Amino acid sequence: MMDHYFSLLFRSERNLLDGLRWFSQGSGVQQGEIMPEFPDNPDREERFREKYPDCVGFYCIFDEPSEQFVPMREFMGELDEMCRTYLEDKEEAYKKNVKAYLEAIAKRYEHLL
């Protein structure tokens, strides 16, 4: 589910920047039918908060099971790798913006990495 989410997130430069901006604020942004949820979301269900305290949750209304939890370290590793590949042919100003958001996300969740 995370892979499909990332494929939707990386559809366009604008889409990626919007997603990263929301991630850096601890909020997910829905892509297609999938909504991510970060570990510090105050609205996370208690059962998920206890069982997956260091994971990003992905929720999909069309898939079974309808949720997937990925450790923050794995999420950030995959996000970093995909951004590195995606940015290869982009302009420097855009690369700078993406890197700033990635740093903000890493700083917000450094205690989970």
N, C-alpha and C. Protein backbone atom coordinates (compact mmCIF):
# COMPACT_ATOMS: atom_id res chain seq x y z
N MET A 1 0.82 -1.19 0.00
CA MET A 1 0.00 0.00 0.00
C MET A 1 0.87 1.26 0.00
N MET A 2 1.98 1.23 0.77
CA MET A 2 2.87 2.39 0.80
C MET A 2 3.44 2.64 -0.60
N ASP A 3 3.81 1.58 -1.31
CA ASP A 3 4.37 1.75 -2.65
C ASP A 3 3.37 2.42 -3.59
N HIS A 4 2.12 1.98 -3.52
CA HIS A 4 1.09 2.60 -4.36
C HIS A 4 0.90 4.07 -3.96
N TYR A 5 0.90 4.33 -2.67
CA TYR A 5 0.77 5.71 -2.20
C TYR A 5 1.89 6.57 -2.78
N PHE A 6 3.13 6.07 -2.70
CA PHE A 6 4.26 6.84 -3.23
C PHE A 6 4.15 7.04 -4.74
N SER A 7 3.64 6.05 -5.45
CA SER A 7 3.49 6.22 -6.90
C SER A 7 2.52 7.37 -7.21
N LEU A 8 1.52 7.54 -6.37
CA LEU A 8 0.58 8.65 -6.55
C LEU A 8 1.20 9.98 -6.11
N LEU A 9 1.96 9.94 -5.04
CA LEU A 9 2.60 11.16 -4.52
C LEU A 9 3.59 11.75 -5.51
N PHE A 10 4.29 10.89 -6.23
CA PHE A 10 5.33 11.34 -7.15
C PHE A 10 4.81 11.58 -8.57
N ARG A 11 3.53 11.81 -8.72
CA ARG A 11 2.95 12.07 -10.04
C ARG A 11 3.39 13.39 -10.63
N SER A 12 3.61 14.38 -9.77
CA SER A 12 4.01 15.70 -10.27
C SER A 12 4.84 16.43 -9.23
N GLU A 13 5.57 17.42 -9.68
CA GLU A 13 6.41 18.21 -8.77
C GLU A 13 5.56 18.87 -7.69
N ARG A 14 4.46 19.43 -8.08
CA ARG A 14 3.57 20.12 -7.14
C ARG A 14 2.99 19.14 -6.12
N ASN A 15 2.57 18.00 -6.59
CA ASN A 15 1.99 16.98 -5.74
C ASN A 15 2.99 16.56 -4.65
N LEU A 16 4.23 16.34 -5.06
CA LEU A 16 5.26 15.94 -4.11
C LEU A 16 5.51 17.03 -3.07
N LEU A 17 5.65 18.27 -3.52
CA LEU A 17 5.90 19.37 -2.56
C LEU A 17 4.76 19.52 -1.58
N ASP A 18 3.54 19.42 -2.05
CA ASP A 18 2.38 19.51 -1.14
C ASP A 18 2.41 18.38 -0.12
N GLY A 19 2.68 17.17 -0.59
CA GLY A 19 2.75 16.03 0.32
C GLY A 19 3.83 16.20 1.37
N LEU A 20 5.02 16.60 0.94
CA LEU A 20 6.12 16.78 1.88
C LEU A 20 5.84 17.90 2.89
N ARG A 21 5.19 18.94 2.42
CA ARG A 21 4.84 20.04 3.33
C ARG A 21 3.91 19.52 4.44
N TRP A 22 2.89 18.75 4.05
CA TRP A 22 1.97 18.19 5.05
C TRP A 22 2.69 17.21 5.96
N PHE A 23 3.57 16.37 5.41
CA PHE A 23 4.33 15.42 6.22
C PHE A 23 5.15 16.15 7.28
N SER A 24 5.77 17.27 6.88
CA SER A 24 6.63 18.01 7.81
C SER A 24 5.83 18.61 8.96
N GLN A 25 4.52 18.74 8.77
CA GLN A 25 3.65 19.27 9.82
C GLN A 25 2.96 18.15 10.61
N GLY A 26 3.30 16.90 10.28
CA GLY A 26 2.73 15.77 10.99
C GLY A 26 1.37 15.35 10.49
N SER A 27 1.00 15.84 9.34
CA SER A 27 -0.30 15.49 8.75
C SER A 27 -0.08 14.70 7.48
N GLY A 28 -0.98 13.82 7.22
CA GLY A 28 -0.94 13.11 5.95
C GLY A 28 -1.77 13.85 4.93
N VAL A 29 -1.54 13.52 3.69
CA VAL A 29 -2.37 14.08 2.62
C VAL A 29 -2.82 12.90 1.77
N GLN A 30 -4.12 12.82 1.55
CA GLN A 30 -4.67 11.69 0.82
C GLN A 30 -4.22 11.73 -0.63
N GLN A 31 -3.83 10.57 -1.13
CA GLN A 31 -3.50 10.38 -2.54
C GLN A 31 -4.37 9.25 -3.04
N GLY A 32 -5.22 9.54 -4.01
CA GLY A 32 -6.14 8.52 -4.49
C GLY A 32 -7.01 8.04 -3.35
N GLU A 33 -7.03 6.75 -3.14
CA GLU A 33 -7.86 6.16 -2.09
C GLU A 33 -7.10 5.90 -0.80
N ILE A 34 -5.85 6.36 -0.71
CA ILE A 34 -5.01 6.06 0.45
C ILE A 34 -4.71 7.31 1.26
N MET A 35 -4.87 7.18 2.56
CA MET A 35 -4.58 8.27 3.50
C MET A 35 -3.51 7.79 4.48
N PRO A 36 -2.39 8.54 4.60
CA PRO A 36 -1.39 8.19 5.60
C PRO A 36 -1.69 8.85 6.93
N GLU A 37 -1.15 8.27 7.99
CA GLU A 37 -1.32 8.84 9.33
C GLU A 37 0.00 8.67 10.07
N PHE A 38 0.50 9.76 10.62
CA PHE A 38 1.78 9.73 11.31
C PHE A 38 1.61 9.38 12.79
N PRO A 39 2.69 8.88 13.40
CA PRO A 39 2.59 8.38 14.78
C PRO A 39 2.11 9.41 15.80
N ASP A 40 2.37 10.68 15.56
CA ASP A 40 1.99 11.70 16.53
C ASP A 40 0.61 12.30 16.27
N ASN A 41 -0.18 11.67 15.41
CA ASN A 41 -1.53 12.15 15.15
C ASN A 41 -2.37 11.97 16.42
N PRO A 42 -2.87 13.05 16.99
CA PRO A 42 -3.65 12.93 18.22
C PRO A 42 -4.96 12.15 18.04
N ASP A 43 -5.42 12.00 16.81
CA ASP A 43 -6.66 11.29 16.55
C ASP A 43 -6.47 9.81 16.24
N ARG A 44 -5.22 9.33 16.32
CA ARG A 44 -4.97 7.91 16.03
C ARG A 44 -5.70 7.05 17.05
N GLU A 45 -6.33 5.99 16.55
CA GLU A 45 -7.05 5.09 17.45
C GLU A 45 -6.08 4.53 18.50
N GLU A 46 -6.58 4.40 19.70
CA GLU A 46 -5.75 3.95 20.83
C GLU A 46 -5.10 2.59 20.55
N ARG A 47 -5.85 1.68 19.94
CA ARG A 47 -5.29 0.35 19.66
C ARG A 47 -4.12 0.42 18.69
N PHE A 48 -4.16 1.34 17.75
CA PHE A 48 -3.05 1.50 16.82
C PHE A 48 -1.90 2.26 17.47
N ARG A 49 -2.23 3.21 18.32
CA ARG A 49 -1.21 3.99 19.03
C ARG A 49 -0.36 3.06 19.91
N GLU A 50 -1.00 2.10 20.55
CA GLU A 50 -0.30 1.16 21.43
C GLU A 50 0.49 0.12 20.64
N LYS A 51 -0.11 -0.39 19.59
CA LYS A 51 0.52 -1.48 18.83
C LYS A 51 1.59 -0.97 17.85
N TYR A 52 1.42 0.23 17.31
CA TYR A 52 2.32 0.76 16.29
C TYR A 52 2.79 2.18 16.66
N PRO A 53 3.46 2.35 17.79
CA PRO A 53 3.82 3.69 18.25
C PRO A 53 4.85 4.41 17.38
N ASP A 54 5.60 3.67 16.58
CA ASP A 54 6.65 4.28 15.78
C ASP A 54 6.42 4.07 14.28
N CYS A 55 5.16 3.90 13.89
CA CYS A 55 4.84 3.56 12.50
C CYS A 55 3.94 4.60 11.83
N VAL A 56 4.12 4.70 10.52
CA VAL A 56 3.21 5.46 9.68
C VAL A 56 2.11 4.49 9.26
N GLY A 57 0.87 4.91 9.43
CA GLY A 57 -0.25 4.08 9.01
C GLY A 57 -0.75 4.52 7.65
N PHE A 58 -1.13 3.55 6.85
CA PHE A 58 -1.75 3.82 5.56
C PHE A 58 -3.12 3.16 5.57
N TYR A 59 -4.14 3.93 5.25
CA TYR A 59 -5.51 3.44 5.28
C TYR A 59 -6.10 3.56 3.88
N CYS A 60 -6.77 2.50 3.47
CA CYS A 60 -7.37 2.47 2.13
C CYS A 60 -8.76 1.88 2.24
N ILE A 61 -9.73 2.55 1.66
CA ILE A 61 -11.10 2.07 1.76
C ILE A 61 -11.39 0.92 0.80
N PHE A 62 -10.49 0.66 -0.16
CA PHE A 62 -10.75 -0.37 -1.16
C PHE A 62 -9.96 -1.65 -0.96
N ASP A 63 -8.93 -1.66 -0.15
CA ASP A 63 -8.06 -2.83 0.00
C ASP A 63 -8.38 -3.61 1.26
N GLU A 64 -8.05 -4.87 1.24
CA GLU A 64 -8.12 -5.73 2.42
C GLU A 64 -6.75 -6.33 2.63
N PRO A 65 -6.11 -6.21 3.75
CA PRO A 65 -6.61 -5.44 4.88
C PRO A 65 -6.61 -3.95 4.55
N SER A 66 -7.42 -3.20 5.25
CA SER A 66 -7.62 -1.79 4.92
C SER A 66 -6.57 -0.88 5.53
N GLU A 67 -5.62 -1.44 6.27
CA GLU A 67 -4.55 -0.60 6.82
C GLU A 67 -3.22 -1.35 6.77
N GLN A 68 -2.17 -0.56 6.71
CA GLN A 68 -0.80 -1.08 6.72
C GLN A 68 0.00 -0.13 7.60
N PHE A 69 0.87 -0.68 8.44
CA PHE A 69 1.72 0.14 9.30
C PHE A 69 3.18 -0.13 8.96
N VAL A 70 3.90 0.94 8.71
CA VAL A 70 5.30 0.85 8.29
C VAL A 70 6.14 1.62 9.30
N PRO A 71 7.21 1.00 9.82
CA PRO A 71 8.08 1.72 10.76
C PRO A 71 8.59 3.03 10.14
N MET A 72 8.66 4.06 10.96
CA MET A 72 9.08 5.37 10.48
C MET A 72 10.44 5.29 9.77
N ARG A 73 11.35 4.49 10.27
CA ARG A 73 12.68 4.35 9.65
C ARG A 73 12.55 3.82 8.22
N GLU A 74 11.70 2.84 8.02
CA GLU A 74 11.47 2.28 6.68
C GLU A 74 10.79 3.31 5.77
N PHE A 75 9.79 3.99 6.31
CA PHE A 75 9.08 5.02 5.55
C PHE A 75 10.06 6.10 5.08
N MET A 76 10.88 6.60 6.00
CA MET A 76 11.83 7.67 5.64
C MET A 76 12.89 7.17 4.66
N GLY A 77 13.35 5.94 4.83
CA GLY A 77 14.33 5.38 3.91
C GLY A 77 13.79 5.31 2.50
N GLU A 78 12.57 4.81 2.37
CA GLU A 78 11.93 4.71 1.05
C GLU A 78 11.66 6.10 0.47
N LEU A 79 11.17 7.01 1.29
CA LEU A 79 10.90 8.37 0.82
C LEU A 79 12.18 9.05 0.36
N ASP A 80 13.25 8.92 1.14
CA ASP A 80 14.54 9.51 0.75
C ASP A 80 15.04 8.95 -0.57
N GLU A 81 14.97 7.64 -0.71
CA GLU A 81 15.44 6.99 -1.94
C GLU A 81 14.63 7.43 -3.15
N MET A 82 13.32 7.47 -3.01
CA MET A 82 12.48 7.88 -4.13
C MET A 82 12.71 9.35 -4.49
N CYS A 83 12.90 10.18 -3.48
CA CYS A 83 13.18 11.60 -3.75
C CYS A 83 14.52 11.75 -4.46
N ARG A 84 15.52 11.00 -4.03
CA ARG A 84 16.84 11.09 -4.65
C ARG A 84 16.74 10.75 -6.14
N THR A 85 16.04 9.71 -6.47
CA THR A 85 15.86 9.31 -7.88
C THR A 85 15.03 10.35 -8.63
N TYR A 86 13.95 10.80 -8.02
CA TYR A 86 13.04 11.74 -8.67
C TYR A 86 13.72 13.08 -8.95
N LEU A 87 14.62 13.49 -8.08
CA LEU A 87 15.24 14.81 -8.19
C LEU A 87 16.39 14.89 -9.19
N GLU A 88 16.82 13.77 -9.74
CA GLU A 88 18.00 13.76 -10.60
C GLU A 88 17.95 14.80 -11.71
N ASP A 89 16.83 14.98 -12.36
CA ASP A 89 16.74 15.90 -13.49
C ASP A 89 15.95 17.18 -13.18
N LYS A 90 15.78 17.49 -11.91
CA LYS A 90 15.00 18.67 -11.52
C LYS A 90 15.92 19.88 -11.32
N GLU A 91 15.33 21.04 -11.34
CA GLU A 91 16.07 22.29 -11.14
C GLU A 91 16.53 22.41 -9.69
N GLU A 92 17.59 23.16 -9.48
CA GLU A 92 18.20 23.29 -8.16
C GLU A 92 17.25 23.88 -7.12
N ALA A 93 16.45 24.86 -7.51
CA ALA A 93 15.52 25.48 -6.56
C ALA A 93 14.51 24.44 -6.06
N TYR A 94 14.03 23.61 -6.95
CA TYR A 94 13.08 22.57 -6.57
C TYR A 94 13.75 21.55 -5.65
N LYS A 95 14.96 21.13 -6.00
CA LYS A 95 15.71 20.19 -5.17
C LYS A 95 15.89 20.75 -3.76
N LYS A 96 16.18 22.03 -3.69
CA LYS A 96 16.39 22.68 -2.38
C LYS A 96 15.12 22.62 -1.54
N ASN A 97 13.98 22.89 -2.15
CA ASN A 97 12.71 22.83 -1.43
C ASN A 97 12.41 21.42 -0.92
N VAL A 98 12.61 20.43 -1.76
CA VAL A 98 12.35 19.05 -1.36
C VAL A 98 13.27 18.66 -0.21
N LYS A 99 14.55 18.98 -0.33
CA LYS A 99 15.51 18.63 0.72
C LYS A 99 15.17 19.31 2.04
N ALA A 100 14.70 20.55 1.98
CA ALA A 100 14.31 21.25 3.21
C ALA A 100 13.12 20.55 3.89
N TYR A 101 12.16 20.12 3.10
CA TYR A 101 11.03 19.40 3.68
C TYR A 101 11.47 18.05 4.26
N LEU A 102 12.33 17.33 3.56
CA LEU A 102 12.82 16.05 4.08
C LEU A 102 13.56 16.24 5.40
N GLU A 103 14.34 17.30 5.50
CA GLU A 103 15.05 17.59 6.75
C GLU A 103 14.07 17.91 7.87
N ALA A 104 13.01 18.66 7.56
CA ALA A 104 12.00 19.00 8.56
C ALA A 104 11.26 17.74 9.04
N ILE A 105 10.97 16.84 8.13
CA ILE A 105 10.30 15.59 8.50
C ILE A 105 11.22 14.76 9.40
N ALA A 106 12.48 14.64 8.99
CA ALA A 106 13.45 13.87 9.77
C ALA A 106 13.64 14.46 11.16
N LYS A 107 13.65 15.78 11.25
CA LYS A 107 13.80 16.43 12.55
C LYS A 107 12.57 16.17 13.43
N ARG A 108 11.40 16.26 12.84
CA ARG A 108 10.16 16.04 13.61
C ARG A 108 10.11 14.63 14.20
N TYR A 109 10.61 13.66 13.44
CA TYR A 109 10.51 12.26 13.86
C TYR A 109 11.86 11.63 14.21
N GLU A 110 12.85 12.44 14.53
CA GLU A 110 14.18 11.92 14.81
C GLU A 110 14.18 10.93 15.98
N HIS A 111 13.28 11.11 16.91
CA HIS A 111 13.19 10.18 18.05
C HIS A 111 12.70 8.79 17.63
N LEU A 112 12.16 8.66 16.43
CA LEU A 112 11.68 7.36 15.94
C LEU A 112 12.62 6.75 14.90
N LEU A 113 13.66 7.48 14.54
CA LEU A 113 14.57 6.99 13.48
C LEU A 113 15.78 6.32 14.01
